[in-house]
Amino acid sequence: MRLAITLLAVACAVPDTALAQTEADRAAVLQTLNSWTRGWTQADASVAVEDYAEDVDWTNAFGDRFQGRDALRKGLEHIFSLDFVMAGTSAGNEFTDVTFLTPDVALIRSKLVRTGQQRSSGSLMPDRHVHHLRVVQRRDGRWQIVSHLISQAQEKR
């Protein structure tokens, strides 16, 4: 009887441990978004790419693609130097969803609205509804963004 009670107690504890690990991983995965946000706020490409893998594959809503963290940093340095791109503000993500594909791979899907951004001509753009899809992988015990695709929802006519 004592063995049965011990086995039942262990069996009941395992799901709680797994859930706690998942919550800890979810928090760590979401933490990777902070450097991106800080980098954009500060117009600092080195900060923006802190949580990106060396071999990251990144594509923005305009089709610009950078492969590798160094190439992404250099691309962002150029993007951040453009006053019309940096005009405007983002109030933060409207939503952030995390889906674990494996214990070491997760997807992060998020959306934000950017207001006040300008075109290169200086004219004001309508509010941009920007969607981000990131693939995050745990490598050497650290969560890193390995792929980032940015898209923009267009007004339906």
Protein backbone atom coordinates (compact mmCIF):
# COMPACT_ATOMS: atom_id res chain seq x y z
CA MET A 1 0.00 0.00 0.00
CA ARG A 2 2.82 2.37 0.89
CA LEU A 3 4.41 1.71 -2.54
CA ALA A 4 1.11 2.46 -4.32
CA ILE A 5 0.76 5.78 -2.46
CA THR A 6 4.38 6.70 -3.29
CA LEU A 7 3.88 5.89 -7.00
CA LEU A 8 0.64 7.89 -7.08
CA ALA A 9 2.37 10.87 -5.47
CA VAL A 10 5.22 10.73 -8.02
CA ALA A 11 2.77 10.38 -10.94
CA CYS A 12 0.81 13.41 -9.74
CA ALA A 13 3.98 15.49 -9.33
CA VAL A 14 5.31 14.86 -12.86
CA PRO A 15 2.70 16.94 -14.75
CA ASP A 16 3.25 19.86 -12.37
CA THR A 17 6.99 19.71 -12.95
CA ALA A 18 6.48 19.55 -16.73
CA LEU A 19 4.03 22.48 -16.60
CA ALA A 20 6.44 24.54 -14.49
CA GLN A 21 9.21 23.85 -17.02
CA THR A 22 6.94 24.90 -19.87
CA GLU A 23 6.05 28.14 -18.08
CA ALA A 24 9.73 28.84 -17.39
CA ASP A 25 10.55 28.14 -21.04
CA ARG A 26 7.66 30.31 -22.21
CA ALA A 27 8.95 33.21 -20.11
CA ALA A 28 12.49 32.69 -21.44
CA VAL A 29 11.23 32.55 -25.04
CA LEU A 30 9.27 35.78 -24.58
CA GLN A 31 12.36 37.40 -23.06
CA THR A 32 13.97 37.24 -26.52
CA LEU A 33 11.57 39.98 -27.68
CA ASN A 34 12.97 42.56 -25.25
CA SER A 35 16.26 43.24 -27.05
CA TRP A 36 14.39 43.76 -30.35
CA THR A 37 12.06 46.29 -28.72
CA ARG A 38 14.91 48.10 -26.95
CA GLY A 39 16.93 48.18 -30.17
CA TRP A 40 14.09 49.82 -32.10
CA THR A 41 13.39 52.29 -29.30
CA GLN A 42 17.07 53.27 -29.08
CA ALA A 43 17.77 52.89 -32.84
CA ASP A 44 20.61 50.57 -31.83
CA ALA A 45 21.13 47.63 -34.18
CA SER A 46 23.59 45.87 -31.86
CA VAL A 47 20.97 45.78 -29.11
CA ALA A 48 18.22 44.69 -31.52
CA VAL A 49 20.13 41.55 -32.60
CA GLU A 50 21.33 40.40 -29.16
CA ASP A 51 18.97 37.42 -29.07
CA TYR A 52 19.37 36.41 -32.72
CA ALA A 53 21.35 33.30 -33.68
CA GLU A 54 24.56 33.66 -35.71
CA ASP A 55 22.77 31.96 -38.63
CA VAL A 56 19.44 33.82 -38.37
CA ASP A 57 17.25 34.24 -41.46
CA TRP A 58 15.30 37.55 -41.29
CA THR A 59 12.84 39.09 -43.76
CA ASN A 60 10.90 42.32 -43.23
CA ALA A 61 7.50 43.39 -44.54
CA PHE A 62 9.12 45.02 -47.58
CA GLY A 63 10.94 41.85 -48.65
CA ASP A 64 14.42 42.81 -47.43
CA ARG A 65 16.19 39.60 -46.39
CA PHE A 66 19.30 39.27 -44.25
CA GLN A 67 21.01 35.97 -43.48
CA GLY A 68 23.27 35.88 -40.45
CA ARG A 69 23.36 38.09 -37.37
CA ASP A 70 26.17 40.32 -38.71
CA ALA A 71 24.30 40.95 -41.96
CA LEU A 72 21.12 41.68 -39.99
CA ARG A 73 22.94 44.11 -37.70
CA LYS A 74 24.39 45.96 -40.71
CA GLY A 75 20.99 46.02 -42.41
CA LEU A 76 19.34 47.39 -39.29
CA GLU A 77 22.03 50.05 -38.94
CA HIS A 78 20.99 51.31 -42.37
CA ILE A 79 17.25 51.00 -41.59
CA PHE A 80 17.68 52.83 -38.27
CA SER A 81 19.53 55.66 -40.06
CA LEU A 82 16.44 56.45 -42.16
CA ASP A 83 14.46 59.19 -40.42
CA PHE A 84 11.23 58.35 -42.25
CA VAL A 85 11.40 54.74 -41.05
CA MET A 86 12.09 55.75 -37.46
CA ALA A 87 9.26 58.31 -37.42
CA GLY A 88 6.26 57.15 -35.44
CA THR A 89 5.68 54.92 -32.48
CA SER A 90 4.53 51.43 -31.59
CA ALA A 91 2.43 50.99 -28.48
CA GLY A 92 3.59 47.42 -27.93
CA ASN A 93 2.25 44.08 -29.02
CA GLU A 94 -1.51 43.65 -29.25
CA PHE A 95 -0.91 39.94 -28.72
CA THR A 96 1.93 37.50 -28.33
CA ASP A 97 1.32 33.78 -28.83
CA VAL A 98 3.89 31.09 -28.07
CA THR A 99 3.62 27.56 -29.47
CA PHE A 100 6.19 24.91 -28.60
CA LEU A 101 6.89 22.57 -31.51
CA THR A 102 9.43 20.57 -29.50
CA PRO A 103 10.98 21.13 -26.06
CA ASP A 104 13.73 23.14 -27.81
CA VAL A 105 11.84 24.90 -30.63
CA ALA A 106 9.04 27.44 -30.29
CA LEU A 107 7.10 29.83 -32.52
CA ILE A 108 6.30 33.35 -31.38
CA ARG A 109 3.53 35.14 -33.24
CA SER A 110 2.83 38.77 -32.39
CA LYS A 111 1.18 41.89 -33.77
CA LEU A 112 1.75 45.56 -33.17
CA VAL A 113 0.38 48.74 -34.67
CA ARG A 114 2.87 51.39 -35.77
CA THR A 115 1.46 54.89 -36.03
CA GLY A 116 3.05 57.99 -37.53
CA GLN A 117 5.57 56.26 -39.77
CA GLN A 118 6.42 58.14 -42.96
CA ARG A 119 7.18 57.25 -46.54
CA SER A 120 10.54 58.26 -48.00
CA SER A 121 8.76 61.31 -49.48
CA GLY A 122 7.89 62.43 -45.95
CA SER A 123 4.16 61.80 -46.34
CA LEU A 124 2.42 60.05 -43.49
CA MET A 125 1.67 56.34 -43.84
CA PRO A 126 -1.61 54.93 -42.57
CA ASP A 127 -1.28 52.95 -39.34
CA ARG A 128 0.74 49.82 -40.05
CA HIS A 129 -0.58 46.53 -38.64
CA VAL A 130 2.67 44.60 -38.42
CA HIS A 131 2.78 40.85 -37.76
CA HIS A 132 5.92 39.03 -36.61
CA LEU A 133 6.54 35.28 -36.81
CA ARG A 134 9.70 34.13 -35.08
CA VAL A 135 11.19 30.67 -34.74
CA VAL A 136 13.13 30.40 -31.49
CA GLN A 137 15.48 27.53 -30.69
CA ARG A 138 17.26 26.58 -27.49
CA ARG A 139 20.95 26.26 -28.29
CA ASP A 140 23.56 25.62 -25.64
CA GLY A 141 20.94 26.33 -22.97
CA ARG A 142 19.96 29.74 -24.40
CA TRP A 143 16.87 30.63 -26.45
CA GLN A 144 17.82 32.31 -29.74
CA ILE A 145 15.78 33.61 -32.66
CA VAL A 146 16.72 31.56 -35.74
CA SER A 147 14.11 32.92 -38.16
CA HIS A 148 12.03 36.10 -38.18
CA LEU A 149 9.43 36.95 -40.81
CA ILE A 150 7.64 40.29 -40.68
CA SER A 151 4.45 40.94 -42.63
CA GLN A 152 1.99 43.77 -42.83
CA ALA A 153 -1.77 43.42 -43.05
CA GLN A 154 -3.07 45.57 -45.90
CA GLU A 155 -6.43 47.29 -45.93
CA LYS A 156 -8.98 45.17 -47.78
CA ARG A 157 -10.82 46.94 -50.58
